[in-house]
Amino acid sequence: MELSHLIAFNVTLLAAILSPGPAMLYIIRTTLASGRVIGLFTAWGLGFMAATWTALAFMGLDAIFAILPWTFILLKTIGALYLMWIAYQTWKHAREPMGQTPTPPARAFLGGMLVNLSNPKSILFAAAVIMVIFPQNMDFADKALIVGNHLLMEFVVSSAFVFAFSTKHISAGYLRAKPVLDRIAASVLGLLGLRLLLSR
């Protein structure tokens, strides 16, 4: 593996992280609702699961999905229903003031993991990117470096989003428009969950 391979991987990964989707929306909404610390733990949970998908792609889980398509369908269905449940809860509590009970960091981390776990297509994306960018028959050290690099990229980029959306000015604006913004977020998450559920 050469440095050019890793650079190409990072450029592709950056484009994927920055593309609008349930993960990015979940980071932004959680940060605005619960503050910087909880937003960071949520982002780190998302990043950890995304890097885990890459590790699993190296281990051949994508081949298992191809051989046993029902496993992919099952995981995708559970994930889609989870996204739709988040959307329902967000819509239901849109008009309520922010809760006084803080979210534990461990729960925020787990929530982030579950959102990225809800999209098994991530492993197919990782497998495709790995196949196109990297040479065949890499050793364990190279694979570990790629997974660690993926984890670092996820942490850095998503943490930057958390810091951007946790400023006092943006947070205050969110609190003023919470009912509207929460229902927009709920609608988008719900549609993404429905799309995931119906997609092949």
N, C-alpha and C. Protein backbone atom coordinates (compact mmCIF):
# COMPACT_ATOMS: atom_id res chain seq x y z
N MET A 1 0.85 -1.19 0.00
CA MET A 1 0.00 0.00 0.00
C MET A 1 0.88 1.24 0.00
N GLU A 2 0.51 2.23 -0.80
CA GLU A 2 1.25 3.48 -0.89
C GLU A 2 0.44 4.62 -0.28
N LEU A 3 1.13 5.74 -0.03
CA LEU A 3 0.46 6.91 0.55
C LEU A 3 -0.65 7.41 -0.36
N SER A 4 -0.47 7.31 -1.67
CA SER A 4 -1.49 7.78 -2.62
C SER A 4 -2.80 7.02 -2.44
N HIS A 5 -2.71 5.73 -2.07
CA HIS A 5 -3.92 4.94 -1.83
C HIS A 5 -4.68 5.50 -0.62
N LEU A 6 -3.95 5.83 0.43
CA LEU A 6 -4.58 6.35 1.65
C LEU A 6 -5.19 7.72 1.40
N ILE A 7 -4.52 8.55 0.61
CA ILE A 7 -5.05 9.88 0.29
C ILE A 7 -6.36 9.75 -0.50
N ALA A 8 -6.36 8.86 -1.49
CA ALA A 8 -7.58 8.64 -2.28
C ALA A 8 -8.72 8.13 -1.41
N PHE A 9 -8.39 7.26 -0.46
CA PHE A 9 -9.40 6.74 0.47
C PHE A 9 -9.97 7.87 1.32
N ASN A 10 -9.09 8.75 1.82
CA ASN A 10 -9.53 9.85 2.68
C ASN A 10 -10.41 10.85 1.93
N VAL A 11 -10.07 11.12 0.69
CA VAL A 11 -10.90 12.04 -0.12
C VAL A 11 -12.30 11.45 -0.32
N THR A 12 -12.35 10.15 -0.65
CA THR A 12 -13.64 9.48 -0.83
C THR A 12 -14.42 9.45 0.48
N LEU A 13 -13.71 9.17 1.56
CA LEU A 13 -14.35 9.09 2.88
C LEU A 13 -14.89 10.46 3.31
N LEU A 14 -14.13 11.52 3.05
CA LEU A 14 -14.57 12.87 3.42
C LEU A 14 -15.86 13.23 2.68
N ALA A 15 -15.92 12.89 1.41
CA ALA A 15 -17.14 13.16 0.63
C ALA A 15 -18.33 12.40 1.20
N ALA A 16 -18.10 11.16 1.63
CA ALA A 16 -19.18 10.35 2.20
C ALA A 16 -19.64 10.90 3.54
N ILE A 17 -18.69 11.34 4.38
CA ILE A 17 -19.04 11.87 5.71
C ILE A 17 -19.84 13.16 5.58
N LEU A 18 -19.45 13.99 4.63
CA LEU A 18 -20.09 15.30 4.49
C LEU A 18 -21.42 15.25 3.73
N SER A 19 -21.71 14.13 3.10
CA SER A 19 -22.97 14.03 2.36
C SER A 19 -24.15 13.98 3.34
N PRO A 20 -25.24 14.67 3.03
CA PRO A 20 -26.39 14.67 3.94
C PRO A 20 -26.94 13.25 4.12
N GLY A 21 -27.25 12.91 5.35
CA GLY A 21 -27.77 11.59 5.64
C GLY A 21 -28.17 11.49 7.10
N PRO A 22 -28.65 10.34 7.53
CA PRO A 22 -29.12 10.21 8.91
C PRO A 22 -28.02 10.46 9.94
N ALA A 23 -26.79 10.05 9.65
CA ALA A 23 -25.70 10.22 10.62
C ALA A 23 -25.43 11.70 10.88
N MET A 24 -25.26 12.47 9.80
CA MET A 24 -24.96 13.89 9.97
C MET A 24 -26.13 14.63 10.61
N LEU A 25 -27.35 14.31 10.19
CA LEU A 25 -28.53 14.95 10.78
C LEU A 25 -28.64 14.62 12.26
N TYR A 26 -28.32 13.39 12.62
CA TYR A 26 -28.40 12.96 14.02
C TYR A 26 -27.36 13.69 14.88
N ILE A 27 -26.15 13.87 14.35
CA ILE A 27 -25.12 14.62 15.06
C ILE A 27 -25.58 16.04 15.32
N ILE A 28 -26.07 16.70 14.28
CA ILE A 28 -26.47 18.11 14.40
C ILE A 28 -27.63 18.25 15.38
N ARG A 29 -28.64 17.41 15.25
CA ARG A 29 -29.82 17.51 16.10
C ARG A 29 -29.46 17.23 17.56
N THR A 30 -28.64 16.21 17.81
CA THR A 30 -28.25 15.88 19.18
C THR A 30 -27.40 16.98 19.79
N THR A 31 -26.50 17.55 19.02
CA THR A 31 -25.65 18.64 19.52
C THR A 31 -26.49 19.85 19.89
N LEU A 32 -27.43 20.22 19.02
CA LEU A 32 -28.28 21.37 19.30
C LEU A 32 -29.17 21.12 20.51
N ALA A 33 -29.65 19.89 20.64
CA ALA A 33 -30.58 19.59 21.73
C ALA A 33 -29.88 19.37 23.06
N SER A 34 -28.70 18.75 23.06
CA SER A 34 -28.08 18.33 24.32
C SER A 34 -26.71 18.93 24.59
N GLY A 35 -26.18 19.71 23.69
CA GLY A 35 -24.92 20.39 23.96
C GLY A 35 -23.70 19.68 23.37
N ARG A 36 -22.55 20.34 23.56
CA ARG A 36 -21.31 19.91 22.92
C ARG A 36 -20.82 18.55 23.38
N VAL A 37 -20.82 18.30 24.69
CA VAL A 37 -20.26 17.05 25.20
C VAL A 37 -21.05 15.85 24.68
N ILE A 38 -22.38 15.92 24.77
CA ILE A 38 -23.21 14.82 24.30
C ILE A 38 -23.11 14.69 22.79
N GLY A 39 -23.01 15.82 22.10
CA GLY A 39 -22.82 15.78 20.65
C GLY A 39 -21.54 15.07 20.27
N LEU A 40 -20.46 15.33 21.03
CA LEU A 40 -19.19 14.67 20.74
C LEU A 40 -19.27 13.17 20.95
N PHE A 41 -19.89 12.74 22.06
CA PHE A 41 -20.01 11.30 22.31
C PHE A 41 -20.88 10.64 21.23
N THR A 42 -21.91 11.34 20.78
CA THR A 42 -22.75 10.81 19.70
C THR A 42 -21.93 10.66 18.42
N ALA A 43 -21.16 11.70 18.10
CA ALA A 43 -20.33 11.67 16.90
C ALA A 43 -19.29 10.56 16.98
N TRP A 44 -18.71 10.37 18.15
CA TRP A 44 -17.70 9.31 18.30
C TRP A 44 -18.32 7.93 18.17
N GLY A 45 -19.55 7.77 18.66
CA GLY A 45 -20.25 6.50 18.47
C GLY A 45 -20.51 6.21 17.00
N LEU A 46 -20.94 7.24 16.28
CA LEU A 46 -21.16 7.10 14.85
C LEU A 46 -19.87 6.73 14.13
N GLY A 47 -18.78 7.43 14.49
CA GLY A 47 -17.49 7.19 13.85
C GLY A 47 -16.96 5.80 14.15
N PHE A 48 -17.13 5.37 15.39
CA PHE A 48 -16.66 4.04 15.78
C PHE A 48 -17.35 2.95 14.97
N MET A 49 -18.66 3.09 14.80
CA MET A 49 -19.41 2.09 14.05
C MET A 49 -19.05 2.13 12.57
N ALA A 50 -18.82 3.33 12.03
CA ALA A 50 -18.45 3.45 10.62
C ALA A 50 -17.12 2.75 10.36
N ALA A 51 -16.14 2.97 11.25
CA ALA A 51 -14.85 2.30 11.10
C ALA A 51 -14.99 0.79 11.30
N THR A 52 -15.92 0.39 12.16
CA THR A 52 -16.17 -1.04 12.36
C THR A 52 -16.69 -1.68 11.09
N TRP A 53 -17.55 -0.96 10.34
CA TRP A 53 -18.03 -1.48 9.06
C TRP A 53 -16.85 -1.74 8.11
N THR A 54 -15.87 -0.82 8.11
CA THR A 54 -14.70 -1.01 7.25
C THR A 54 -13.91 -2.24 7.69
N ALA A 55 -13.74 -2.40 9.01
CA ALA A 55 -13.04 -3.58 9.52
C ALA A 55 -13.77 -4.86 9.12
N LEU A 56 -15.10 -4.84 9.21
CA LEU A 56 -15.89 -6.01 8.85
C LEU A 56 -15.83 -6.29 7.35
N ALA A 57 -15.68 -5.22 6.55
CA ALA A 57 -15.52 -5.42 5.11
C ALA A 57 -14.23 -6.17 4.83
N PHE A 58 -13.17 -5.82 5.55
CA PHE A 58 -11.90 -6.55 5.40
C PHE A 58 -12.04 -8.01 5.83
N MET A 59 -12.93 -8.26 6.78
CA MET A 59 -13.12 -9.62 7.28
C MET A 59 -14.07 -10.44 6.39
N GLY A 60 -14.69 -9.78 5.40
CA GLY A 60 -15.51 -10.50 4.45
C GLY A 60 -16.98 -10.58 4.79
N LEU A 61 -17.47 -9.70 5.67
CA LEU A 61 -18.89 -9.76 6.01
C LEU A 61 -19.77 -9.44 4.80
N ASP A 62 -19.24 -8.61 3.88
CA ASP A 62 -20.02 -8.32 2.68
C ASP A 62 -20.29 -9.58 1.87
N ALA A 63 -19.34 -10.53 1.91
CA ALA A 63 -19.53 -11.81 1.22
C ALA A 63 -20.65 -12.62 1.88
N ILE A 64 -20.74 -12.53 3.20
CA ILE A 64 -21.82 -13.21 3.91
C ILE A 64 -23.17 -12.63 3.50
N PHE A 65 -23.23 -11.31 3.36
CA PHE A 65 -24.47 -10.68 2.89
C PHE A 65 -24.85 -11.20 1.51
N ALA A 66 -23.85 -11.42 0.66
CA ALA A 66 -24.13 -11.91 -0.69
C ALA A 66 -24.61 -13.36 -0.67
N ILE A 67 -24.01 -14.16 0.21
CA ILE A 67 -24.38 -15.58 0.29
C ILE A 67 -25.71 -15.76 1.02
N LEU A 68 -25.90 -14.99 2.09
CA LEU A 68 -27.12 -15.07 2.90
C LEU A 68 -27.83 -13.71 2.88
N PRO A 69 -28.52 -13.39 1.80
CA PRO A 69 -29.12 -12.05 1.68
C PRO A 69 -30.13 -11.73 2.77
N TRP A 70 -30.70 -12.74 3.41
CA TRP A 70 -31.67 -12.48 4.47
C TRP A 70 -31.03 -11.77 5.67
N THR A 71 -29.72 -12.01 5.88
CA THR A 71 -29.04 -11.33 6.99
C THR A 71 -28.96 -9.83 6.74
N PHE A 72 -28.71 -9.46 5.48
CA PHE A 72 -28.67 -8.05 5.10
C PHE A 72 -30.06 -7.42 5.25
N ILE A 73 -31.07 -8.13 4.77
CA ILE A 73 -32.45 -7.62 4.84
C ILE A 73 -32.89 -7.44 6.29
N LEU A 74 -32.54 -8.40 7.13
CA LEU A 74 -32.91 -8.32 8.55
C LEU A 74 -32.27 -7.11 9.22
N LEU A 75 -30.97 -6.95 9.01
CA LEU A 75 -30.24 -5.83 9.63
C LEU A 75 -30.76 -4.50 9.10
N LYS A 76 -31.03 -4.44 7.80
CA LYS A 76 -31.54 -3.21 7.20
C LYS A 76 -32.92 -2.86 7.74
N THR A 77 -33.76 -3.86 7.92
CA THR A 77 -35.12 -3.63 8.43
C THR A 77 -35.09 -3.12 9.86
N ILE A 78 -34.27 -3.74 10.69
CA ILE A 78 -34.13 -3.29 12.08
C ILE A 78 -33.63 -1.85 12.12
N GLY A 79 -32.64 -1.55 11.29
CA GLY A 79 -32.09 -0.20 11.25
C GLY A 79 -33.10 0.83 10.79
N ALA A 80 -33.86 0.49 9.76
CA ALA A 80 -34.87 1.41 9.25
C ALA A 80 -35.93 1.70 10.30
N LEU A 81 -36.37 0.66 11.00
CA LEU A 81 -37.37 0.84 12.05
C LEU A 81 -36.82 1.69 13.20
N TYR A 82 -35.52 1.55 13.49
CA TYR A 82 -34.90 2.36 14.54
C TYR A 82 -34.89 3.84 14.14
N LEU A 83 -34.54 4.12 12.90
CA LEU A 83 -34.55 5.51 12.43
C LEU A 83 -35.96 6.09 12.49
N MET A 84 -36.95 5.30 12.13
CA MET A 84 -38.33 5.77 12.16
C MET A 84 -38.81 5.98 13.60
N TRP A 85 -38.31 5.17 14.53
CA TRP A 85 -38.64 5.37 15.95
C TRP A 85 -38.04 6.68 16.46
N ILE A 86 -36.79 6.97 16.08
CA ILE A 86 -36.17 8.25 16.45
C ILE A 86 -37.00 9.40 15.89
N ALA A 87 -37.44 9.26 14.63
CA ALA A 87 -38.25 10.31 14.00
C ALA A 87 -39.56 10.53 14.76
N TYR A 88 -40.19 9.44 15.15
CA TYR A 88 -41.46 9.54 15.90
C TYR A 88 -41.25 10.24 17.24
N GLN A 89 -40.20 9.85 17.97
CA GLN A 89 -39.92 10.47 19.27
C GLN A 89 -39.60 11.95 19.13
N THR A 90 -38.84 12.29 18.08
CA THR A 90 -38.48 13.69 17.85
C THR A 90 -39.72 14.52 17.53
N TRP A 91 -40.59 13.99 16.69
CA TRP A 91 -41.83 14.70 16.35
C TRP A 91 -42.73 14.84 17.58
N LYS A 92 -42.86 13.76 18.33
CA LYS A 92 -43.75 13.73 19.50
C LYS A 92 -43.36 14.78 20.54
N HIS A 93 -42.06 14.99 20.72
CA HIS A 93 -41.58 15.90 21.77
C HIS A 93 -41.14 17.26 21.20
N ALA A 94 -41.53 17.55 19.96
CA ALA A 94 -41.06 18.78 19.32
C ALA A 94 -41.47 20.04 20.08
N ARG A 95 -42.68 20.05 20.64
CA ARG A 95 -43.17 21.26 21.31
C ARG A 95 -42.77 21.32 22.79
N GLU A 96 -42.17 20.27 23.28
CA GLU A 96 -41.78 20.26 24.69
C GLU A 96 -40.46 21.00 24.87
N PRO A 97 -40.26 21.68 26.00
CA PRO A 97 -38.97 22.32 26.26
C PRO A 97 -37.89 21.28 26.44
N MET A 98 -36.65 21.72 26.35
CA MET A 98 -35.54 20.79 26.51
C MET A 98 -35.62 20.14 27.88
N GLY A 99 -35.35 18.83 27.92
CA GLY A 99 -35.41 18.09 29.18
C GLY A 99 -34.36 18.54 30.16
N GLN A 100 -34.67 18.40 31.43
CA GLN A 100 -33.73 18.79 32.48
C GLN A 100 -32.76 17.65 32.83
N THR A 101 -33.13 16.41 32.49
CA THR A 101 -32.27 15.27 32.79
C THR A 101 -31.25 15.11 31.68
N PRO A 102 -29.96 15.26 31.98
CA PRO A 102 -28.95 15.16 30.94
C PRO A 102 -28.82 13.74 30.40
N THR A 103 -28.45 13.64 29.13
CA THR A 103 -28.20 12.34 28.52
C THR A 103 -26.83 11.84 28.95
N PRO A 104 -26.73 10.63 29.49
CA PRO A 104 -25.40 10.10 29.86
C PRO A 104 -24.53 9.95 28.62
N PRO A 105 -23.23 10.26 28.71
CA PRO A 105 -22.34 10.13 27.55
C PRO A 105 -22.34 8.73 26.95
N ALA A 106 -22.40 7.69 27.81
CA ALA A 106 -22.39 6.31 27.30
C ALA A 106 -23.62 6.05 26.44
N ARG A 107 -24.76 6.60 26.85
CA ARG A 107 -26.00 6.42 26.07
C ARG A 107 -25.90 7.17 24.75
N ALA A 108 -25.28 8.34 24.76
CA ALA A 108 -25.11 9.11 23.52
C ALA A 108 -24.19 8.35 22.56
N PHE A 109 -23.11 7.76 23.08
CA PHE A 109 -22.19 6.98 22.26
C PHE A 109 -22.91 5.78 21.64
N LEU A 110 -23.70 5.09 22.45
CA LEU A 110 -24.46 3.93 21.97
C LEU A 110 -25.48 4.35 20.91
N GLY A 111 -26.14 5.48 21.15
CA GLY A 111 -27.11 5.98 20.17
C GLY A 111 -26.45 6.25 18.83
N GLY A 112 -25.26 6.85 18.86
CA GLY A 112 -24.53 7.08 17.62
C GLY A 112 -24.18 5.78 16.92
N MET A 113 -23.72 4.79 17.68
CA MET A 113 -23.40 3.49 17.11
C MET A 113 -24.63 2.87 16.45
N LEU A 114 -25.77 2.95 17.12
CA LEU A 114 -26.98 2.33 16.60
C LEU A 114 -27.44 2.98 15.29
N VAL A 115 -27.27 4.30 15.19
CA VAL A 115 -27.67 4.98 13.94
C VAL A 115 -26.83 4.48 12.78
N ASN A 116 -25.52 4.34 12.97
CA ASN A 116 -24.68 3.84 11.88
C ASN A 116 -24.83 2.33 11.70
N LEU A 117 -25.18 1.64 12.76
CA LEU A 117 -25.46 0.21 12.64
C LEU A 117 -26.72 0.00 11.81
N SER A 118 -27.58 1.01 11.79
CA SER A 118 -28.86 0.90 11.08
C SER A 118 -28.70 0.92 9.57
N ASN A 119 -27.48 1.18 9.09
CA ASN A 119 -27.28 1.26 7.64
C ASN A 119 -26.25 0.23 7.19
N PRO A 120 -26.67 -1.03 6.98
CA PRO A 120 -25.71 -2.05 6.56
C PRO A 120 -25.13 -1.81 5.18
N LYS A 121 -25.71 -0.86 4.42
CA LYS A 121 -25.13 -0.53 3.13
C LYS A 121 -23.73 0.05 3.30
N SER A 122 -23.42 0.53 4.50
CA SER A 122 -22.09 1.08 4.76
C SER A 122 -21.01 0.05 4.50
N ILE A 123 -21.29 -1.20 4.84
CA ILE A 123 -20.26 -2.23 4.64
C ILE A 123 -20.07 -2.52 3.16
N LEU A 124 -21.14 -2.42 2.38
CA LEU A 124 -21.02 -2.60 0.93
C LEU A 124 -20.24 -1.45 0.32
N PHE A 125 -20.48 -0.23 0.84
CA PHE A 125 -19.72 0.94 0.38
C PHE A 125 -18.24 0.76 0.71
N ALA A 126 -17.97 0.34 1.96
CA ALA A 126 -16.58 0.16 2.38
C ALA A 126 -15.89 -0.90 1.53
N ALA A 127 -16.59 -2.01 1.29
CA ALA A 127 -16.00 -3.08 0.49
C ALA A 127 -15.70 -2.61 -0.93
N ALA A 128 -16.62 -1.84 -1.52
CA ALA A 128 -16.41 -1.34 -2.88
C ALA A 128 -15.23 -0.38 -2.95
N VAL A 129 -15.16 0.54 -1.97
CA VAL A 129 -14.07 1.51 -1.94
C VAL A 129 -12.73 0.81 -1.75
N ILE A 130 -12.69 -0.14 -0.84
CA ILE A 130 -11.46 -0.89 -0.59
C ILE A 130 -11.01 -1.62 -1.86
N MET A 131 -11.96 -2.24 -2.57
CA MET A 131 -11.63 -3.01 -3.77
C MET A 131 -11.09 -2.11 -4.87
N VAL A 132 -11.66 -0.91 -5.00
CA VAL A 132 -11.27 0.00 -6.08
C VAL A 132 -9.95 0.70 -5.78
N ILE A 133 -9.74 1.11 -4.53
CA ILE A 133 -8.61 1.97 -4.20
C ILE A 133 -7.35 1.20 -3.83
N PHE A 134 -7.50 0.16 -3.02
CA PHE A 134 -6.33 -0.48 -2.44
C PHE A 134 -5.90 -1.72 -3.22
N PRO A 135 -4.59 -2.04 -3.18
CA PRO A 135 -4.11 -3.26 -3.84
C PRO A 135 -4.61 -4.51 -3.12
N GLN A 136 -4.61 -5.61 -3.83
CA GLN A 136 -5.05 -6.88 -3.25
C GLN A 136 -3.96 -7.44 -2.33
N ASN A 137 -4.38 -8.36 -1.47
CA ASN A 137 -3.45 -9.11 -0.61
C ASN A 137 -2.61 -8.21 0.31
N MET A 138 -3.26 -7.21 0.89
CA MET A 138 -2.55 -6.39 1.88
C MET A 138 -2.37 -7.18 3.17
N ASP A 139 -1.32 -6.85 3.91
CA ASP A 139 -1.09 -7.55 5.17
C ASP A 139 -1.94 -6.93 6.29
N PHE A 140 -1.91 -7.57 7.45
CA PHE A 140 -2.75 -7.14 8.57
C PHE A 140 -2.42 -5.71 9.00
N ALA A 141 -1.14 -5.35 8.99
CA ALA A 141 -0.73 -4.01 9.44
C ALA A 141 -1.33 -2.92 8.56
N ASP A 142 -1.35 -3.16 7.24
CA ASP A 142 -1.94 -2.17 6.32
C ASP A 142 -3.44 -2.04 6.57
N LYS A 143 -4.10 -3.18 6.75
CA LYS A 143 -5.54 -3.15 7.00
C LYS A 143 -5.86 -2.43 8.32
N ALA A 144 -5.06 -2.69 9.34
CA ALA A 144 -5.25 -2.02 10.63
C ALA A 144 -5.03 -0.52 10.50
N LEU A 145 -4.05 -0.13 9.69
CA LEU A 145 -3.78 1.29 9.45
C LEU A 145 -4.96 1.96 8.77
N ILE A 146 -5.56 1.28 7.79
CA ILE A 146 -6.70 1.84 7.07
C ILE A 146 -7.90 2.02 8.01
N VAL A 147 -8.17 1.02 8.84
CA VAL A 147 -9.28 1.12 9.79
C VAL A 147 -9.02 2.23 10.81
N GLY A 148 -7.79 2.31 11.33
CA GLY A 148 -7.45 3.38 12.27
C GLY A 148 -7.55 4.75 11.63
N ASN A 149 -7.13 4.86 10.38
CA ASN A 149 -7.24 6.11 9.64
C ASN A 149 -8.70 6.50 9.46
N HIS A 150 -9.55 5.51 9.15
CA HIS A 150 -10.99 5.77 8.99
C HIS A 150 -11.57 6.30 10.30
N LEU A 151 -11.21 5.65 11.41
CA LEU A 151 -11.70 6.08 12.72
C LEU A 151 -11.28 7.51 13.02
N LEU A 152 -10.02 7.84 12.76
CA LEU A 152 -9.51 9.19 13.01
C LEU A 152 -10.24 10.22 12.16
N MET A 153 -10.45 9.91 10.87
CA MET A 153 -11.16 10.83 9.98
C MET A 153 -12.57 11.09 10.47
N GLU A 154 -13.26 10.03 10.86
CA GLU A 154 -14.62 10.17 11.37
C GLU A 154 -14.63 11.06 12.61
N PHE A 155 -13.73 10.81 13.53
CA PHE A 155 -13.69 11.58 14.78
C PHE A 155 -13.40 13.05 14.52
N VAL A 156 -12.43 13.33 13.67
CA VAL A 156 -12.02 14.72 13.43
C VAL A 156 -13.12 15.50 12.72
N VAL A 157 -13.67 14.94 11.65
CA VAL A 157 -14.67 15.67 10.86
C VAL A 157 -15.96 15.86 11.65
N SER A 158 -16.45 14.79 12.28
CA SER A 158 -17.71 14.91 13.02
C SER A 158 -17.55 15.79 14.26
N SER A 159 -16.39 15.75 14.90
CA SER A 159 -16.15 16.62 16.05
C SER A 159 -16.15 18.09 15.63
N ALA A 160 -15.61 18.37 14.44
CA ALA A 160 -15.63 19.74 13.92
C ALA A 160 -17.07 20.22 13.73
N PHE A 161 -17.94 19.34 13.25
CA PHE A 161 -19.36 19.68 13.10
C PHE A 161 -19.98 19.99 14.46
N VAL A 162 -19.66 19.17 15.44
CA VAL A 162 -20.22 19.38 16.78
C VAL A 162 -19.80 20.75 17.32
N PHE A 163 -18.53 21.08 17.19
CA PHE A 163 -18.06 22.38 17.69
C PHE A 163 -18.71 23.53 16.93
N ALA A 164 -18.95 23.35 15.63
CA ALA A 164 -19.58 24.41 14.83
C ALA A 164 -21.03 24.63 15.26
N PHE A 165 -21.75 23.55 15.57
CA PHE A 165 -23.17 23.67 15.88
C PHE A 165 -23.45 23.83 17.38
N SER A 166 -22.41 23.86 18.20
CA SER A 166 -22.64 24.01 19.64
C SER A 166 -22.32 25.42 20.14
N THR A 167 -22.10 26.35 19.22
CA THR A 167 -21.88 27.73 19.63
C THR A 167 -23.15 28.31 20.24
N LYS A 168 -23.00 29.28 21.11
CA LYS A 168 -24.16 29.85 21.80
C LYS A 168 -25.16 30.46 20.83
N HIS A 169 -24.67 31.11 19.79
CA HIS A 169 -25.56 31.77 18.83
C HIS A 169 -26.44 30.74 18.12
N ILE A 170 -25.83 29.66 17.65
CA ILE A 170 -26.60 28.64 16.92
C ILE A 170 -27.53 27.90 17.87
N SER A 171 -27.05 27.58 19.08
CA SER A 171 -27.90 26.88 20.06
C SER A 171 -29.11 27.71 20.44
N ALA A 172 -28.89 29.02 20.65
CA ALA A 172 -30.00 29.90 21.01
C ALA A 172 -31.03 29.97 19.88
N GLY A 173 -30.55 30.00 18.64
CA GLY A 173 -31.45 30.02 17.50
C GLY A 173 -32.27 28.74 17.41
N TYR A 174 -31.63 27.62 17.72
CA TYR A 174 -32.34 26.33 17.71
C TYR A 174 -33.45 26.31 18.75
N LEU A 175 -33.15 26.79 19.96
CA LEU A 175 -34.15 26.77 21.04
C LEU A 175 -35.37 27.62 20.68
N ARG A 176 -35.14 28.72 19.96
CA ARG A 176 -36.27 29.58 19.55
C ARG A 176 -37.14 28.89 18.51
N ALA A 177 -36.51 28.12 17.64
CA ALA A 177 -37.25 27.50 16.54
C ALA A 177 -37.41 25.98 16.73
N LYS A 178 -37.27 25.50 17.98
CA LYS A 178 -37.25 24.06 18.25
C LYS A 178 -38.44 23.30 17.66
N PRO A 179 -39.70 23.74 17.86
CA PRO A 179 -40.82 22.95 17.32
C PRO A 179 -40.73 22.72 15.81
N VAL A 180 -40.37 23.76 15.09
CA VAL A 180 -40.29 23.65 13.63
C VAL A 180 -39.10 22.80 13.22
N LEU A 181 -37.93 23.10 13.80
CA LEU A 181 -36.72 22.37 13.41
C LEU A 181 -36.79 20.89 13.78
N ASP A 182 -37.36 20.58 14.94
CA ASP A 182 -37.48 19.18 15.34
C ASP A 182 -38.41 18.42 14.39
N ARG A 183 -39.48 19.07 13.94
CA ARG A 183 -40.40 18.38 13.04
C ARG A 183 -39.79 18.23 11.64
N ILE A 184 -38.95 19.17 11.24
CA ILE A 184 -38.23 19.00 9.98
C ILE A 184 -37.26 17.82 10.10
N ALA A 185 -36.52 17.80 11.22
CA ALA A 185 -35.57 16.70 11.44
C ALA A 185 -36.29 15.35 11.51
N ALA A 186 -37.43 15.33 12.20
CA ALA A 186 -38.21 14.09 12.31
C ALA A 186 -38.70 13.63 10.94
N SER A 187 -39.14 14.57 10.12
CA SER A 187 -39.63 14.21 8.79
C SER A 187 -38.51 13.63 7.93
N VAL A 188 -37.34 14.26 7.99
CA VAL A 188 -36.21 13.78 7.19
C VAL A 188 -35.76 12.40 7.67
N LEU A 189 -35.61 12.23 8.97
CA LEU A 189 -35.20 10.93 9.52
C LEU A 189 -36.23 9.85 9.19
N GLY A 190 -37.51 10.19 9.30
CA GLY A 190 -38.55 9.24 8.99
C GLY A 190 -38.52 8.82 7.52
N LEU A 191 -38.33 9.78 6.63
CA LEU A 191 -38.25 9.47 5.20
C LEU A 191 -37.02 8.64 4.87
N LEU A 192 -35.89 8.95 5.54
CA LEU A 192 -34.67 8.17 5.33
C LEU A 192 -34.87 6.73 5.81
N GLY A 193 -35.54 6.58 6.96
CA GLY A 193 -35.83 5.24 7.46
C GLY A 193 -36.74 4.49 6.52
N LEU A 194 -37.77 5.16 6.00
CA LEU A 194 -38.71 4.53 5.06
C LEU A 194 -38.00 4.16 3.75
N ARG A 195 -37.13 5.02 3.30
CA ARG A 195 -36.36 4.74 2.08
C ARG A 195 -35.47 3.52 2.29
N LEU A 196 -34.81 3.46 3.44
CA LEU A 196 -33.97 2.30 3.75
C LEU A 196 -34.80 1.02 3.82
N LEU A 197 -35.99 1.13 4.40
CA LEU A 197 -36.86 -0.04 4.54
C LEU A 197 -37.33 -0.57 3.19
N LEU A 198 -37.61 0.34 2.26
CA LEU A 198 -38.17 -0.05 0.97
C LEU A 198 -37.11 -0.33 -0.10
N SER A 199 -35.87 0.09 0.17
CA SER A 199 -34.82 -0.08 -0.84
C SER A 199 -34.39 -1.53 -0.94
N ARG A 200 -33.87 -1.90 -2.09
CA ARG A 200 -33.40 -3.27 -2.31
C ARG A 200 -31.90 -3.36 -2.07
